[in-house]
Amino acid sequence: MVLLAMFGCLVIRVRSEMHAFSESLHRTVNRWRSHYHLDDQQVARIVEIEFAFHGNGNFFTKPTHTLEETDQHHREIAAVMKPQDGERFLADQLRRHSDSRY
């Protein structure tokens, strides 16, 4: 009975983490919507790209990525945007990640 309860708690925790991740991802992309002038189709495509790269928030299957993979991921997102907004996005991501590496 105890093992079943522990398993149930684990399942609830994983689902909660996945929901929190999804909410966080959508909040981030919605912030990008106004900042980078995104329309609904661009937002939907970027959400797909983000889930494909970051996974669904399950901490058991959280992918790890090299710097090159992360840079390519940012370029893929930027390609969905208008050229000027994409360039600004890449500059913002480069600045954000270079600040967090030190």
C-alpha atoms as a PDB file:
ATOM      1  CA  MET A   1       0.000   0.000   0.000  1.00  0.00           C
ATOM      2  CA  VAL A   2       2.839   2.384   0.851  1.00  0.00           C
ATOM      3  CA  LEU A   3       4.546   1.684  -2.478  1.00  0.00           C
ATOM      4  CA  LEU A   4       1.328   2.366  -4.335  1.00  0.00           C
ATOM      5  CA  ALA A   5       0.922   5.679  -2.492  1.00  0.00           C
ATOM      6  CA  MET A   6       4.528   6.637  -3.260  1.00  0.00           C
ATOM      7  CA  PHE A   7       4.026   5.781  -6.934  1.00  0.00           C
ATOM      8  CA  GLY A   8       0.839   7.854  -6.991  1.00  0.00           C
ATOM      9  CA  CYS A   9       2.668  10.820  -5.480  1.00  0.00           C
ATOM     10  CA  LEU A  10       5.424  10.472  -8.071  1.00  0.00           C
ATOM     11  CA  VAL A  11       2.911  10.421 -10.937  1.00  0.00           C
ATOM     12  CA  ILE A  12       1.185  13.507  -9.562  1.00  0.00           C
ATOM     13  CA  ARG A  13       4.522  15.283  -9.173  1.00  0.00           C
ATOM     14  CA  VAL A  14       5.618  14.475 -12.730  1.00  0.00           C
ATOM     15  CA  ARG A  15       2.297  15.656 -14.158  1.00  0.00           C
ATOM     16  CA  SER A  16       2.485  18.816 -12.072  1.00  0.00           C
ATOM     17  CA  GLU A  17       6.046  19.527 -13.287  1.00  0.00           C
ATOM     18  CA  MET A  18       4.977  18.976 -16.895  1.00  0.00           C
ATOM     19  CA  HIS A  19       2.015  21.329 -16.484  1.00  0.00           C
ATOM     20  CA  ALA A  20       4.202  23.989 -14.861  1.00  0.00           C
ATOM     21  CA  PHE A  21       6.741  23.682 -17.686  1.00  0.00           C
ATOM     22  CA  SER A  22       4.021  24.039 -20.317  1.00  0.00           C
ATOM     23  CA  GLU A  23       2.615  27.116 -18.568  1.00  0.00           C
ATOM     24  CA  SER A  24       6.092  28.655 -18.307  1.00  0.00           C
ATOM     25  CA  LEU A  25       6.838  27.971 -21.964  1.00  0.00           C
ATOM     26  CA  HIS A  26       3.560  29.553 -23.068  1.00  0.00           C
ATOM     27  CA  ARG A  27       4.185  32.623 -20.870  1.00  0.00           C
ATOM     28  CA  THR A  28       7.647  33.032 -22.392  1.00  0.00           C
ATOM     29  CA  VAL A  29       6.403  32.724 -25.970  1.00  0.00           C
ATOM     30  CA  ASN A  30       3.561  35.141 -25.246  1.00  0.00           C
ATOM     31  CA  ARG A  31       6.126  37.658 -23.969  1.00  0.00           C
ATOM     32  CA  TRP A  32       8.007  37.133 -27.200  1.00  0.00           C
ATOM     33  CA  ARG A  33       4.746  37.732 -29.129  1.00  0.00           C
ATOM     34  CA  SER A  34       4.721  41.432 -28.359  1.00  0.00           C
ATOM     35  CA  HIS A  35       8.477  41.911 -28.115  1.00  0.00           C
ATOM     36  CA  TYR A  36       9.224  40.323 -31.508  1.00  0.00           C
ATOM     37  CA  HIS A  37       5.903  41.157 -33.246  1.00  0.00           C
ATOM     38  CA  LEU A  38       4.731  37.551 -33.675  1.00  0.00           C
ATOM     39  CA  ASP A  39       1.407  36.512 -35.181  1.00  0.00           C
ATOM     40  CA  ASP A  40      -0.607  33.450 -34.129  1.00  0.00           C
ATOM     41  CA  GLN A  41       1.010  31.145 -36.708  1.00  0.00           C
ATOM     42  CA  GLN A  42       4.507  32.172 -35.648  1.00  0.00           C
ATOM     43  CA  VAL A  43       3.637  31.632 -31.985  1.00  0.00           C
ATOM     44  CA  ALA A  44       2.241  28.163 -32.717  1.00  0.00           C
ATOM     45  CA  ARG A  45       5.350  27.185 -34.687  1.00  0.00           C
ATOM     46  CA  ILE A  46       7.709  28.494 -31.994  1.00  0.00           C
ATOM     47  CA  VAL A  47       5.805  26.551 -29.319  1.00  0.00           C
ATOM     48  CA  GLU A  48       6.294  23.404 -31.421  1.00  0.00           C
ATOM     49  CA  ILE A  49      10.021  24.144 -31.770  1.00  0.00           C
ATOM     50  CA  GLU A  50      10.353  24.772 -28.036  1.00  0.00           C
ATOM     51  CA  PHE A  51       8.619  21.519 -27.046  1.00  0.00           C
ATOM     52  CA  ALA A  52      10.700  19.564 -29.572  1.00  0.00           C
ATOM     53  CA  PHE A  53      13.913  21.004 -28.149  1.00  0.00           C
ATOM     54  CA  HIS A  54      13.155  21.163 -24.427  1.00  0.00           C
ATOM     55  CA  GLY A  55      10.821  18.202 -24.087  1.00  0.00           C
ATOM     56  CA  ASN A  56       7.568  18.283 -22.183  1.00  0.00           C
ATOM     57  CA  GLY A  57       8.881  19.167 -18.736  1.00  0.00           C
ATOM     58  CA  ASN A  58       9.219  15.603 -17.453  1.00  0.00           C
ATOM     59  CA  PHE A  59      12.372  15.705 -15.321  1.00  0.00           C
ATOM     60  CA  PHE A  60      13.055  12.026 -16.087  1.00  0.00           C
ATOM     61  CA  THR A  61      13.384  12.709 -19.814  1.00  0.00           C
ATOM     62  CA  LYS A  62      14.762  16.263 -19.778  1.00  0.00           C
ATOM     63  CA  PRO A  63      17.162  16.516 -22.718  1.00  0.00           C
ATOM     64  CA  THR A  64      20.607  18.054 -22.424  1.00  0.00           C
ATOM     65  CA  HIS A  65      22.093  20.055 -25.271  1.00  0.00           C
ATOM     66  CA  THR A  66      25.473  21.309 -26.390  1.00  0.00           C
ATOM     67  CA  LEU A  67      26.122  24.990 -26.977  1.00  0.00           C
ATOM     68  CA  GLU A  68      26.026  24.326 -30.730  1.00  0.00           C
ATOM     69  CA  GLU A  69      22.618  22.656 -30.446  1.00  0.00           C
ATOM     70  CA  THR A  70      21.319  25.562 -28.374  1.00  0.00           C
ATOM     71  CA  ASP A  71      22.634  28.085 -30.894  1.00  0.00           C
ATOM     72  CA  GLN A  72      20.987  26.134 -33.724  1.00  0.00           C
ATOM     73  CA  HIS A  73      17.749  26.035 -31.733  1.00  0.00           C
ATOM     74  CA  HIS A  74      17.802  29.823 -31.377  1.00  0.00           C
ATOM     75  CA  ARG A  75      18.471  30.185 -35.117  1.00  0.00           C
ATOM     76  CA  GLU A  76      15.508  27.929 -35.878  1.00  0.00           C
ATOM     77  CA  ILE A  77      13.251  30.145 -33.768  1.00  0.00           C
ATOM     78  CA  ALA A  78      14.693  33.306 -35.331  1.00  0.00           C
ATOM     79  CA  ALA A  79      13.963  31.922 -38.811  1.00  0.00           C
ATOM     80  CA  VAL A  80      10.249  31.861 -37.957  1.00  0.00           C
ATOM     81  CA  MET A  81      10.341  35.590 -37.179  1.00  0.00           C
ATOM     82  CA  LYS A  82      10.619  38.550 -39.519  1.00  0.00           C
ATOM     83  CA  PRO A  83      14.317  39.103 -40.334  1.00  0.00           C
ATOM     84  CA  GLN A  84      14.763  42.208 -38.177  1.00  0.00           C
ATOM     85  CA  ASP A  85      13.004  40.634 -35.190  1.00  0.00           C
ATOM     86  CA  GLY A  86      14.957  37.387 -35.682  1.00  0.00           C
ATOM     87  CA  GLU A  87      18.256  39.266 -35.560  1.00  0.00           C
ATOM     88  CA  ARG A  88      17.187  41.025 -32.372  1.00  0.00           C
ATOM     89  CA  PHE A  89      16.061  37.703 -30.878  1.00  0.00           C
ATOM     90  CA  LEU A  90      19.451  36.111 -31.618  1.00  0.00           C
ATOM     91  CA  ALA A  91      21.289  39.077 -30.092  1.00  0.00           C
ATOM     92  CA  ASP A  92      19.068  38.928 -27.001  1.00  0.00           C
ATOM     93  CA  GLN A  93      19.630  35.178 -26.594  1.00  0.00           C
ATOM     94  CA  LEU A  94      23.377  35.512 -27.066  1.00  0.00           C
ATOM     95  CA  ARG A  95      23.499  38.256 -24.438  1.00  0.00           C
ATOM     96  CA  ARG A  96      21.260  36.302 -22.041  1.00  0.00           C
ATOM     97  CA  HIS A  97      23.274  33.093 -22.326  1.00  0.00           C
ATOM     98  CA  SER A  98      26.678  34.762 -22.180  1.00  0.00           C
ATOM     99  CA  ASP A  99      25.635  36.500 -18.942  1.00  0.00           C
ATOM    100  CA  SER A 100      24.502  33.220 -17.387  1.00  0.00           C
ATOM    101  CA  ARG A 101      27.693  31.319 -18.269  1.00  0.00           C
ATOM    102  CA  TYR A 102      29.880  33.397 -15.972  1.00  0.00           C
END
